[in-house]
Amino acid sequence: MIDRLACSIYTLGAEAAEIAEAAGYESGWTSESYGTDSFTPLAWWGAKTRTMRLGTGVAQMAARPPTGMA
């Protein structure tokens, strides 16, 4: 399941994060490429989980202002 949790939010909803948390997973990760965003899934997953640590595997720094990356 952890490999699927790292997929885009557009293919897996926030329910996947809830299921993973209930199954005992400690973290969920996103990445981005052309046409996808890594921060939106984290916001969705963070709204549905309480104990999981969330992070980005890859984020394009040049596409955002410094405050957005912080």
PDB file of N, CA and C in Angstrom:
ATOM      1  N   MET A   1       0.811  -1.205   0.000  1.00  0.00           N
ATOM      2  CA  MET A   1       0.000   0.000   0.000  1.00  0.00           C
ATOM      3  C   MET A   1       0.846   1.257   0.000  1.00  0.00           C
ATOM      4  N   ILE A   2       2.019   1.223   0.595  1.00  0.00           N
ATOM      5  CA  ILE A   2       2.800   2.450   0.691  1.00  0.00           C
ATOM      6  C   ILE A   2       3.203   2.977  -0.676  1.00  0.00           C
ATOM      7  N   ASP A   3       3.444   2.111  -1.656  1.00  0.00           N
ATOM      8  CA  ASP A   3       3.785   2.600  -2.977  1.00  0.00           C
ATOM      9  C   ASP A   3       2.606   3.310  -3.627  1.00  0.00           C
ATOM     10  N   ARG A   4       1.413   2.878  -3.330  1.00  0.00           N
ATOM     11  CA  ARG A   4       0.248   3.542  -3.877  1.00  0.00           C
ATOM     12  C   ARG A   4      -0.060   4.844  -3.146  1.00  0.00           C
ATOM     13  N   LEU A   5       0.260   4.909  -1.878  1.00  0.00           N
ATOM     14  CA  LEU A   5       0.015   6.128  -1.127  1.00  0.00           C
ATOM     15  C   LEU A   5       0.847   7.280  -1.674  1.00  0.00           C
ATOM     16  N   ALA A   6       1.958   6.970  -2.305  1.00  0.00           N
ATOM     17  CA  ALA A   6       2.822   7.997  -2.865  1.00  0.00           C
ATOM     18  C   ALA A   6       2.332   8.497  -4.219  1.00  0.00           C
ATOM     19  N   CYS A   7       1.234   7.957  -4.724  1.00  0.00           N
ATOM     20  CA  CYS A   7       0.706   8.387  -6.015  1.00  0.00           C
ATOM     21  C   CYS A   7       0.040   9.751  -5.909  1.00  0.00           C
ATOM     22  N   SER A   8      -0.336  10.260  -7.029  1.00  0.00           N
ATOM     23  CA  SER A   8      -1.008  11.547  -7.095  1.00  0.00           C
ATOM     24  C   SER A   8      -2.356  11.486  -6.400  1.00  0.00           C
ATOM     25  N   ILE A   9      -2.741  12.576  -5.792  1.00  0.00           N
ATOM     26  CA  ILE A   9      -4.049  12.672  -5.136  1.00  0.00           C
ATOM     27  C   ILE A   9      -5.180  12.521  -6.150  1.00  0.00           C
ATOM     28  N   TYR A  10      -4.875  12.767  -7.416  1.00  0.00           N
ATOM     29  CA  TYR A  10      -5.905  12.666  -8.430  1.00  0.00           C
ATOM     30  C   TYR A  10      -6.286  11.226  -8.727  1.00  0.00           C
ATOM     31  N   THR A  11      -5.453  10.274  -8.326  1.00  0.00           N
ATOM     32  CA  THR A  11      -5.810   8.873  -8.499  1.00  0.00           C
ATOM     33  C   THR A  11      -6.181   8.215  -7.178  1.00  0.00           C
ATOM     34  N   LEU A  12      -5.705   8.758  -6.082  1.00  0.00           N
ATOM     35  CA  LEU A  12      -6.056   8.239  -4.762  1.00  0.00           C
ATOM     36  C   LEU A  12      -6.501   9.392  -3.880  1.00  0.00           C
ATOM     37  N   GLY A  13      -7.687   9.280  -3.311  1.00  0.00           N
ATOM     38  CA  GLY A  13      -8.201  10.342  -2.471  1.00  0.00           C
ATOM     39  C   GLY A  13      -7.649  10.290  -1.062  1.00  0.00           C
ATOM     40  N   ALA A  14      -8.136  11.185  -0.246  1.00  0.00           N
ATOM     41  CA  ALA A  14      -7.693  11.269   1.144  1.00  0.00           C
ATOM     42  C   ALA A  14      -8.079  10.019   1.934  1.00  0.00           C
ATOM     43  N   GLU A  15      -9.040   9.267   1.433  1.00  0.00           N
ATOM     44  CA  GLU A  15      -9.431   8.027   2.108  1.00  0.00           C
ATOM     45  C   GLU A  15      -8.265   7.048   2.173  1.00  0.00           C
ATOM     46  N   ALA A  16      -7.390   7.083   1.180  1.00  0.00           N
ATOM     47  CA  ALA A  16      -6.227   6.191   1.180  1.00  0.00           C
ATOM     48  C   ALA A  16      -5.316   6.494   2.358  1.00  0.00           C
ATOM     49  N   ALA A  17      -5.167   7.760   2.700  1.00  0.00           N
ATOM     50  CA  ALA A  17      -4.353   8.137   3.851  1.00  0.00           C
ATOM     51  C   ALA A  17      -4.999   7.657   5.143  1.00  0.00           C
ATOM     52  N   GLU A  18      -6.310   7.752   5.231  1.00  0.00           N
ATOM     53  CA  GLU A  18      -7.022   7.253   6.422  1.00  0.00           C
ATOM     54  C   GLU A  18      -6.820   5.752   6.577  1.00  0.00           C
ATOM     55  N   ILE A  19      -6.917   5.030   5.501  1.00  0.00           N
ATOM     56  CA  ILE A  19      -6.745   3.574   5.528  1.00  0.00           C
ATOM     57  C   ILE A  19      -5.318   3.216   5.920  1.00  0.00           C
ATOM     58  N   ALA A  20      -4.352   3.927   5.344  1.00  0.00           N
ATOM     59  CA  ALA A  20      -2.954   3.659   5.664  1.00  0.00           C
ATOM     60  C   ALA A  20      -2.667   3.948   7.136  1.00  0.00           C
ATOM     61  N   GLU A  21      -3.205   5.024   7.654  1.00  0.00           N
ATOM     62  CA  GLU A  21      -3.004   5.353   9.062  1.00  0.00           C
ATOM     63  C   GLU A  21      -3.616   4.280   9.958  1.00  0.00           C
ATOM     64  N   ALA A  22      -4.802   3.839   9.618  1.00  0.00           N
ATOM     65  CA  ALA A  22      -5.457   2.786  10.400  1.00  0.00           C
ATOM     66  C   ALA A  22      -4.669   1.479  10.342  1.00  0.00           C
ATOM     67  N   ALA A  23      -3.952   1.264   9.246  1.00  0.00           N
ATOM     68  CA  ALA A  23      -3.152   0.047   9.091  1.00  0.00           C
ATOM     69  C   ALA A  23      -1.801   0.143   9.789  1.00  0.00           C
ATOM     70  N   GLY A  24      -1.489   1.319  10.342  1.00  0.00           N
ATOM     71  CA  GLY A  24      -0.260   1.472  11.098  1.00  0.00           C
ATOM     72  C   GLY A  24       0.891   2.149  10.380  1.00  0.00           C
ATOM     73  N   TYR A  25       0.658   2.665   9.172  1.00  0.00           N
ATOM     74  CA  TYR A  25       1.736   3.375   8.472  1.00  0.00           C
ATOM     75  C   TYR A  25       2.057   4.664   9.217  1.00  0.00           C
ATOM     76  N   GLU A  26       3.337   4.993   9.261  1.00  0.00           N
ATOM     77  CA  GLU A  26       3.784   6.174   9.994  1.00  0.00           C
ATOM     78  C   GLU A  26       3.928   7.409   9.130  1.00  0.00           C
ATOM     79  N   SER A  27       4.095   7.239   7.808  1.00  0.00           N
ATOM     80  CA  SER A  27       4.310   8.397   6.954  1.00  0.00           C
ATOM     81  C   SER A  27       3.702   8.203   5.577  1.00  0.00           C
ATOM     82  N   GLY A  28       3.454   9.330   4.923  1.00  0.00           N
ATOM     83  CA  GLY A  28       2.970   9.351   3.552  1.00  0.00           C
ATOM     84  C   GLY A  28       3.741  10.403   2.783  1.00  0.00           C
ATOM     85  N   TRP A  29       4.113  10.105   1.546  1.00  0.00           N
ATOM     86  CA  TRP A  29       4.966  10.985   0.760  1.00  0.00           C
ATOM     87  C   TRP A  29       4.353  11.290  -0.596  1.00  0.00           C
ATOM     88  N   THR A  30       4.621  12.488  -1.092  1.00  0.00           N
ATOM     89  CA  THR A  30       4.202  12.858  -2.436  1.00  0.00           C
ATOM     90  C   THR A  30       5.417  13.347  -3.219  1.00  0.00           C
ATOM     91  N   SER A  31       5.250  13.410  -4.497  1.00  0.00           N
ATOM     92  CA  SER A  31       6.259  14.021  -5.360  1.00  0.00           C
ATOM     93  C   SER A  31       5.522  14.750  -6.466  1.00  0.00           C
ATOM     94  N   GLU A  32       6.245  15.509  -7.240  1.00  0.00           N
ATOM     95  CA  GLU A  32       5.581  16.212  -8.334  1.00  0.00           C
ATOM     96  C   GLU A  32       6.405  16.132  -9.600  1.00  0.00           C
ATOM     97  N   SER A  33       5.694  16.305 -10.688  1.00  0.00           N
ATOM     98  CA  SER A  33       6.318  16.391 -11.999  1.00  0.00           C
ATOM     99  C   SER A  33       5.443  17.312 -12.823  1.00  0.00           C
ATOM    100  N   TYR A  34       5.585  17.292 -14.113  1.00  0.00           N
ATOM    101  CA  TYR A  34       4.782  18.168 -14.948  1.00  0.00           C
ATOM    102  C   TYR A  34       3.301  17.877 -14.757  1.00  0.00           C
ATOM    103  N   GLY A  35       2.540  18.893 -14.378  1.00  0.00           N
ATOM    104  CA  GLY A  35       1.101  18.753 -14.267  1.00  0.00           C
ATOM    105  C   GLY A  35       0.595  18.275 -12.921  1.00  0.00           C
ATOM    106  N   THR A  36       1.469  17.953 -11.990  1.00  0.00           N
ATOM    107  CA  THR A  36       1.016  17.535 -10.665  1.00  0.00           C
ATOM    108  C   THR A  36       1.654  18.423  -9.602  1.00  0.00           C
ATOM    109  N   ASP A  37       1.055  18.470  -8.470  1.00  0.00           N
ATOM    110  CA  ASP A  37       1.513  19.291  -7.363  1.00  0.00           C
ATOM    111  C   ASP A  37       1.769  18.389  -6.168  1.00  0.00           C
ATOM    112  N   SER A  38       2.800  18.654  -5.403  1.00  0.00           N
ATOM    113  CA  SER A  38       3.096  17.788  -4.259  1.00  0.00           C
ATOM    114  C   SER A  38       2.455  18.281  -2.964  1.00  0.00           C
ATOM    115  N   PHE A  39       2.066  19.538  -2.900  1.00  0.00           N
ATOM    116  CA  PHE A  39       1.566  20.087  -1.637  1.00  0.00           C
ATOM    117  C   PHE A  39       0.062  19.909  -1.436  1.00  0.00           C
ATOM    118  N   THR A  40      -0.695  19.903  -2.514  1.00  0.00           N
ATOM    119  CA  THR A  40      -2.142  19.712  -2.392  1.00  0.00           C
ATOM    120  C   THR A  40      -2.499  18.359  -1.782  1.00  0.00           C
ATOM    121  N   PRO A  41      -1.892  17.255  -2.226  1.00  0.00           N
ATOM    122  CA  PRO A  41      -2.199  15.980  -1.574  1.00  0.00           C
ATOM    123  C   PRO A  41      -1.851  15.984  -0.084  1.00  0.00           C
ATOM    124  N   LEU A  42      -0.766  16.634   0.278  1.00  0.00           N
ATOM    125  CA  LEU A  42      -0.386  16.687   1.690  1.00  0.00           C
ATOM    126  C   LEU A  42      -1.447  17.410   2.519  1.00  0.00           C
ATOM    127  N   ALA A  43      -2.002  18.464   1.966  1.00  0.00           N
ATOM    128  CA  ALA A  43      -3.057  19.191   2.667  1.00  0.00           C
ATOM    129  C   ALA A  43      -4.297  18.314   2.839  1.00  0.00           C
ATOM    130  N   TRP A  44      -4.658  17.580   1.794  1.00  0.00           N
ATOM    131  CA  TRP A  44      -5.822  16.696   1.872  1.00  0.00           C
ATOM    132  C   TRP A  44      -5.587  15.581   2.883  1.00  0.00           C
ATOM    133  N   TRP A  45      -4.400  14.961   2.803  1.00  0.00           N
ATOM    134  CA  TRP A  45      -4.094  13.862   3.713  1.00  0.00           C
ATOM    135  C   TRP A  45      -3.988  14.359   5.142  1.00  0.00           C
ATOM    136  N   GLY A  46      -3.408  15.535   5.334  1.00  0.00           N
ATOM    137  CA  GLY A  46      -3.280  16.093   6.675  1.00  0.00           C
ATOM    138  C   GLY A  46      -4.617  16.404   7.311  1.00  0.00           C
ATOM    139  N   ALA A  47      -5.614  16.728   6.498  1.00  0.00           N
ATOM    140  CA  ALA A  47      -6.949  16.999   7.021  1.00  0.00           C
ATOM    141  C   ALA A  47      -7.657  15.720   7.465  1.00  0.00           C
ATOM    142  N   LYS A  48      -7.213  14.585   6.966  1.00  0.00           N
ATOM    143  CA  LYS A  48      -7.882  13.317   7.257  1.00  0.00           C
ATOM    144  C   LYS A  48      -7.124  12.423   8.228  1.00  0.00           C
ATOM    145  N   THR A  49      -5.874  12.776   8.550  1.00  0.00           N
ATOM    146  CA  THR A  49      -5.080  11.933   9.443  1.00  0.00           C
ATOM    147  C   THR A  49      -4.695  12.714  10.690  1.00  0.00           C
ATOM    148  N   ARG A  50      -4.285  11.967  11.712  1.00  0.00           N
ATOM    149  CA  ARG A  50      -3.901  12.627  12.962  1.00  0.00           C
ATOM    150  C   ARG A  50      -2.459  12.327  13.357  1.00  0.00           C
ATOM    151  N   THR A  51      -1.967  11.154  13.030  1.00  0.00           N
ATOM    152  CA  THR A  51      -0.654  10.760  13.527  1.00  0.00           C
ATOM    153  C   THR A  51       0.393  10.555  12.436  1.00  0.00           C
ATOM    154  N   MET A  52      -0.015  10.483  11.191  1.00  0.00           N
ATOM    155  CA  MET A  52       0.940  10.250  10.106  1.00  0.00           C
ATOM    156  C   MET A  52       1.812  11.469   9.866  1.00  0.00           C
ATOM    157  N   ARG A  53       3.082  11.214   9.601  1.00  0.00           N
ATOM    158  CA  ARG A  53       3.989  12.276   9.173  1.00  0.00           C
ATOM    159  C   ARG A  53       3.903  12.366   7.657  1.00  0.00           C
ATOM    160  N   LEU A  54       3.830  13.566   7.147  1.00  0.00           N
ATOM    161  CA  LEU A  54       3.650  13.774   5.717  1.00  0.00           C
ATOM    162  C   LEU A  54       4.815  14.578   5.162  1.00  0.00           C
ATOM    163  N   GLY A  55       5.239  14.236   3.944  1.00  0.00           N
ATOM    164  CA  GLY A  55       6.353  14.945   3.347  1.00  0.00           C
ATOM    165  C   GLY A  55       6.358  14.854   1.837  1.00  0.00           C
ATOM    166  N   THR A  56       7.191  15.684   1.232  1.00  0.00           N
ATOM    167  CA  THR A  56       7.352  15.658  -0.213  1.00  0.00           C
ATOM    168  C   THR A  56       8.649  14.948  -0.555  1.00  0.00           C
ATOM    169  N   GLY A  57       8.587  14.097  -1.541  1.00  0.00           N
ATOM    170  CA  GLY A  57       9.794  13.447  -2.015  1.00  0.00           C
ATOM    171  C   GLY A  57      10.547  14.351  -2.971  1.00  0.00           C
ATOM    172  N   VAL A  58       9.805  15.050  -3.830  1.00  0.00           N
ATOM    173  CA  VAL A  58      10.397  15.949  -4.818  1.00  0.00           C
ATOM    174  C   VAL A  58       9.475  17.151  -4.952  1.00  0.00           C
ATOM    175  N   ALA A  59      10.051  18.339  -4.867  1.00  0.00           N
ATOM    176  CA  ALA A  59       9.292  19.568  -5.097  1.00  0.00           C
ATOM    177  C   ALA A  59      10.171  20.517  -5.902  1.00  0.00           C
ATOM    178  N   GLN A  60       9.603  21.159  -6.880  1.00  0.00           N
ATOM    179  CA  GLN A  60      10.361  22.050  -7.745  1.00  0.00           C
ATOM    180  C   GLN A  60      10.473  23.424  -7.087  1.00  0.00           C
ATOM    181  N   MET A  61      11.635  23.732  -6.589  1.00  0.00           N
ATOM    182  CA  MET A  61      11.855  24.988  -5.880  1.00  0.00           C
ATOM    183  C   MET A  61      11.768  26.213  -6.781  1.00  0.00           C
ATOM    184  N   ALA A  62      12.238  26.096  -8.003  1.00  0.00           N
ATOM    185  CA  ALA A  62      12.267  27.249  -8.906  1.00  0.00           C
ATOM    186  C   ALA A  62      10.867  27.708  -9.319  1.00  0.00           C
ATOM    187  N   ALA A  63       9.883  26.873  -9.162  1.00  0.00           N
ATOM    188  CA  ALA A  63       8.527  27.212  -9.586  1.00  0.00           C
ATOM    189  C   ALA A  63       7.738  27.955  -8.513  1.00  0.00           C
ATOM    190  N   ARG A  64       8.329  28.153  -7.332  1.00  0.00           N
ATOM    191  CA  ARG A  64       7.600  28.760  -6.219  1.00  0.00           C
ATOM    192  C   ARG A  64       8.424  29.872  -5.578  1.00  0.00           C
ATOM    193  N   PRO A  65       7.749  30.819  -4.966  1.00  0.00           N
ATOM    194  CA  PRO A  65       8.493  31.833  -4.205  1.00  0.00           C
ATOM    195  C   PRO A  65       9.064  31.194  -2.933  1.00  0.00           C
ATOM    196  N   PRO A  66      10.090  31.793  -2.340  1.00  0.00           N
ATOM    197  CA  PRO A  66      10.704  31.222  -1.140  1.00  0.00           C
ATOM    198  C   PRO A  66       9.709  30.980  -0.010  1.00  0.00           C
ATOM    199  N   THR A  67       8.737  31.868   0.153  1.00  0.00           N
ATOM    200  CA  THR A  67       7.762  31.675   1.227  1.00  0.00           C
ATOM    201  C   THR A  67       6.872  30.462   0.964  1.00  0.00           C
ATOM    202  N   GLY A  68       6.603  30.178  -0.288  1.00  0.00           N
ATOM    203  CA  GLY A  68       5.805  28.996  -0.632  1.00  0.00           C
ATOM    204  C   GLY A  68       6.535  27.708  -0.315  1.00  0.00           C
ATOM    205  N   MET A  69       7.818  27.685  -0.535  1.00  0.00           N
ATOM    206  CA  MET A  69       8.614  26.485  -0.225  1.00  0.00           C
ATOM    207  C   MET A  69       8.806  26.317   1.271  1.00  0.00           C
ATOM    208  N   ALA A  70       8.867  27.422   1.991  1.00  0.00           N
ATOM    209  CA  ALA A  70       9.068  27.327   3.450  1.00  0.00           C
ATOM    210  C   ALA A  70       7.862  26.701   4.096  1.00  0.00           C
TER     211      ALA A  70
END
